[in-house]
Amino acid sequence: MDIKAKIEEIVEKVKGDKDIQENFKKDPIKTIEGIAGVDLPDDQIEKVIDAVKAKISLDDIGEKLGGLGKLFGKK
């Protein structure tokens, strides 16, 4: 399994679906395992959860920073 690709897939599903976002906030382990379709050992699932949270945060920051360009007349 390509972990990096799986994390990207999970991030897109979490960001693209409000219900999945809520489930991820409430029970990230169950949500990730449901999306991935596999039952991972706790130490591995925690790493995936951390990676998904980090990727979502970075994407959100990038989107917000991209909006700053409008302040300077850039699109």
N, C-alpha and C. Protein backbone atom coordinates (compact mmCIF):
# COMPACT_ATOMS: atom_id res chain seq x y z
N MET A 1 0.85 -1.18 0.00
CA MET A 1 0.00 0.00 0.00
C MET A 1 0.89 1.24 0.00
N ASP A 2 0.59 2.17 -0.87
CA ASP A 2 1.30 3.45 -0.93
C ASP A 2 0.67 4.38 0.11
N ILE A 3 1.35 4.51 1.25
CA ILE A 3 0.80 5.29 2.37
C ILE A 3 0.57 6.75 1.98
N LYS A 4 1.52 7.33 1.27
CA LYS A 4 1.39 8.74 0.88
C LYS A 4 0.14 8.95 0.01
N ALA A 5 -0.07 8.06 -0.94
CA ALA A 5 -1.25 8.17 -1.81
C ALA A 5 -2.53 7.95 -1.00
N LYS A 6 -2.49 7.02 -0.06
CA LYS A 6 -3.66 6.74 0.77
C LYS A 6 -3.98 7.95 1.64
N ILE A 7 -2.95 8.60 2.18
CA ILE A 7 -3.17 9.80 3.00
C ILE A 7 -3.80 10.90 2.15
N GLU A 8 -3.31 11.08 0.92
CA GLU A 8 -3.89 12.09 0.02
C GLU A 8 -5.36 11.77 -0.25
N GLU A 9 -5.66 10.51 -0.47
CA GLU A 9 -7.05 10.08 -0.73
C GLU A 9 -7.93 10.39 0.49
N ILE A 10 -7.42 10.08 1.67
CA ILE A 10 -8.18 10.31 2.90
C ILE A 10 -8.41 11.80 3.10
N VAL A 11 -7.37 12.60 2.89
CA VAL A 11 -7.49 14.06 3.05
C VAL A 11 -8.57 14.60 2.12
N GLU A 12 -8.55 14.18 0.87
CA GLU A 12 -9.55 14.67 -0.09
C GLU A 12 -10.96 14.28 0.35
N LYS A 13 -11.13 13.07 0.84
CA LYS A 13 -12.46 12.63 1.28
C LYS A 13 -12.91 13.40 2.52
N VAL A 14 -11.99 13.63 3.46
CA VAL A 14 -12.35 14.36 4.67
C VAL A 14 -12.69 15.81 4.33
N LYS A 15 -11.88 16.44 3.50
CA LYS A 15 -12.13 17.84 3.14
C LYS A 15 -13.36 18.01 2.27
N GLY A 16 -13.72 16.99 1.51
CA GLY A 16 -14.82 17.11 0.56
C GLY A 16 -16.19 16.71 1.07
N ASP A 17 -16.26 16.25 2.31
CA ASP A 17 -17.54 15.76 2.82
C ASP A 17 -17.71 16.19 4.28
N LYS A 18 -18.70 17.03 4.53
CA LYS A 18 -18.93 17.56 5.89
C LYS A 18 -19.21 16.44 6.90
N ASP A 19 -19.94 15.41 6.48
CA ASP A 19 -20.24 14.30 7.39
C ASP A 19 -18.96 13.56 7.78
N ILE A 20 -18.09 13.33 6.81
CA ILE A 20 -16.82 12.66 7.09
C ILE A 20 -15.96 13.55 7.99
N GLN A 21 -15.99 14.87 7.77
CA GLN A 21 -15.24 15.79 8.63
C GLN A 21 -15.68 15.65 10.08
N GLU A 22 -16.99 15.63 10.29
CA GLU A 22 -17.52 15.50 11.65
C GLU A 22 -17.13 14.15 12.26
N ASN A 23 -17.24 13.09 11.47
CA ASN A 23 -16.86 11.77 11.96
C ASN A 23 -15.38 11.72 12.30
N PHE A 24 -14.55 12.37 11.46
CA PHE A 24 -13.10 12.39 11.70
C PHE A 24 -12.79 13.12 13.01
N LYS A 25 -13.51 14.19 13.28
CA LYS A 25 -13.30 14.93 14.53
C LYS A 25 -13.70 14.09 15.74
N LYS A 26 -14.81 13.35 15.62
CA LYS A 26 -15.33 12.56 16.73
C LYS A 26 -14.55 11.26 16.94
N ASP A 27 -14.25 10.57 15.86
CA ASP A 27 -13.59 9.26 15.95
C ASP A 27 -12.65 9.07 14.76
N PRO A 28 -11.47 9.68 14.82
CA PRO A 28 -10.57 9.62 13.67
C PRO A 28 -10.13 8.20 13.31
N ILE A 29 -9.95 7.35 14.30
CA ILE A 29 -9.50 5.98 14.01
C ILE A 29 -10.53 5.24 13.17
N LYS A 30 -11.77 5.24 13.62
CA LYS A 30 -12.83 4.54 12.90
C LYS A 30 -13.03 5.14 11.51
N THR A 31 -12.96 6.46 11.42
CA THR A 31 -13.16 7.14 10.14
C THR A 31 -12.06 6.77 9.15
N ILE A 32 -10.81 6.83 9.59
CA ILE A 32 -9.68 6.49 8.72
C ILE A 32 -9.76 5.04 8.28
N GLU A 33 -10.03 4.14 9.22
CA GLU A 33 -10.12 2.73 8.86
C GLU A 33 -11.26 2.47 7.89
N GLY A 34 -12.36 3.20 8.04
CA GLY A 34 -13.48 3.06 7.12
C GLY A 34 -13.14 3.53 5.72
N ILE A 35 -12.45 4.66 5.63
CA ILE A 35 -12.06 5.19 4.32
C ILE A 35 -11.01 4.29 3.67
N ALA A 36 -10.02 3.89 4.47
CA ALA A 36 -8.91 3.08 3.95
C ALA A 36 -9.34 1.64 3.66
N GLY A 37 -10.36 1.20 4.35
CA GLY A 37 -10.83 -0.17 4.14
C GLY A 37 -9.94 -1.22 4.78
N VAL A 38 -9.12 -0.80 5.74
CA VAL A 38 -8.25 -1.74 6.44
C VAL A 38 -8.23 -1.42 7.92
N ASP A 39 -7.94 -2.44 8.71
CA ASP A 39 -7.80 -2.28 10.16
C ASP A 39 -6.31 -2.26 10.45
N LEU A 40 -5.78 -1.08 10.77
CA LEU A 40 -4.36 -0.92 11.01
C LEU A 40 -4.05 -1.01 12.50
N PRO A 41 -2.83 -1.45 12.83
CA PRO A 41 -2.41 -1.43 14.24
C PRO A 41 -2.43 0.00 14.77
N ASP A 42 -2.66 0.15 16.07
CA ASP A 42 -2.81 1.47 16.67
C ASP A 42 -1.65 2.41 16.38
N ASP A 43 -0.42 1.92 16.44
CA ASP A 43 0.72 2.81 16.21
C ASP A 43 0.74 3.32 14.77
N GLN A 44 0.32 2.51 13.83
CA GLN A 44 0.29 2.95 12.43
C GLN A 44 -0.87 3.89 12.17
N ILE A 45 -2.03 3.59 12.73
CA ILE A 45 -3.19 4.44 12.49
C ILE A 45 -2.98 5.82 13.10
N GLU A 46 -2.30 5.90 14.24
CA GLU A 46 -2.02 7.20 14.85
C GLU A 46 -1.12 8.04 13.94
N LYS A 47 -0.16 7.41 13.29
CA LYS A 47 0.72 8.12 12.36
C LYS A 47 -0.06 8.63 11.16
N VAL A 48 -0.99 7.82 10.66
CA VAL A 48 -1.82 8.23 9.53
C VAL A 48 -2.72 9.40 9.95
N ILE A 49 -3.32 9.31 11.13
CA ILE A 49 -4.18 10.38 11.63
C ILE A 49 -3.38 11.69 11.74
N ASP A 50 -2.19 11.61 12.32
CA ASP A 50 -1.35 12.80 12.45
C ASP A 50 -1.01 13.38 11.08
N ALA A 51 -0.71 12.52 10.11
CA ALA A 51 -0.37 12.98 8.77
C ALA A 51 -1.57 13.64 8.09
N VAL A 52 -2.74 13.06 8.26
CA VAL A 52 -3.96 13.64 7.67
C VAL A 52 -4.25 15.00 8.29
N LYS A 53 -4.16 15.09 9.62
CA LYS A 53 -4.41 16.37 10.29
C LYS A 53 -3.41 17.42 9.82
N ALA A 54 -2.14 17.05 9.71
CA ALA A 54 -1.11 17.98 9.26
C ALA A 54 -1.37 18.44 7.84
N LYS A 55 -1.73 17.52 6.96
CA LYS A 55 -1.98 17.86 5.56
C LYS A 55 -3.19 18.78 5.44
N ILE A 56 -4.24 18.49 6.19
CA ILE A 56 -5.43 19.35 6.15
C ILE A 56 -5.07 20.74 6.65
N SER A 57 -4.30 20.84 7.72
CA SER A 57 -3.89 22.14 8.26
C SER A 57 -3.05 22.91 7.25
N LEU A 58 -2.10 22.22 6.61
CA LEU A 58 -1.26 22.89 5.61
C LEU A 58 -2.08 23.37 4.42
N ASP A 59 -3.01 22.55 3.97
CA ASP A 59 -3.86 22.94 2.85
C ASP A 59 -4.70 24.15 3.22
N ASP A 60 -5.25 24.14 4.44
CA ASP A 60 -6.08 25.27 4.88
C ASP A 60 -5.26 26.55 4.98
N ILE A 61 -4.05 26.45 5.50
CA ILE A 61 -3.17 27.61 5.60
C ILE A 61 -2.84 28.13 4.21
N GLY A 62 -2.53 27.21 3.29
CA GLY A 62 -2.21 27.62 1.92
C GLY A 62 -3.35 28.35 1.26
N GLU A 63 -4.57 27.86 1.47
CA GLU A 63 -5.74 28.51 0.89
C GLU A 63 -5.93 29.90 1.48
N LYS A 64 -5.72 30.03 2.79
CA LYS A 64 -5.88 31.34 3.44
C LYS A 64 -4.79 32.30 2.98
N LEU A 65 -3.57 31.80 2.88
CA LEU A 65 -2.48 32.65 2.42
C LEU A 65 -2.67 33.05 0.96
N GLY A 66 -3.22 32.16 0.17
CA GLY A 66 -3.49 32.49 -1.23
C GLY A 66 -4.47 33.64 -1.34
N GLY A 67 -5.38 33.75 -0.41
CA GLY A 67 -6.33 34.85 -0.39
C GLY A 67 -5.69 36.19 -0.08
N LEU A 68 -4.51 36.16 0.54
CA LEU A 68 -3.81 37.41 0.83
C LEU A 68 -3.36 38.13 -0.44
N GLY A 69 -3.17 37.37 -1.51
CA GLY A 69 -2.78 37.99 -2.77
C GLY A 69 -3.78 39.03 -3.24
N LYS A 70 -5.03 38.83 -2.90
CA LYS A 70 -6.08 39.79 -3.28
C LYS A 70 -5.85 41.14 -2.62
N LEU A 71 -5.23 41.14 -1.45
CA LEU A 71 -4.94 42.40 -0.79
C LEU A 71 -3.93 43.24 -1.54
N PHE A 72 -3.10 42.57 -2.33
CA PHE A 72 -2.05 43.24 -3.07
C PHE A 72 -2.35 43.32 -4.56
N GLY A 73 -3.61 43.09 -4.91
CA GLY A 73 -4.02 43.21 -6.30
C GLY A 73 -3.66 42.03 -7.17
N LYS A 74 -3.29 40.91 -6.55
CA LYS A 74 -2.95 39.71 -7.31
C LYS A 74 -4.09 38.72 -7.21
N LYS A 75 -4.22 37.91 -8.26
CA LYS A 75 -5.29 36.90 -8.27
C LYS A 75 -4.71 35.54 -8.16
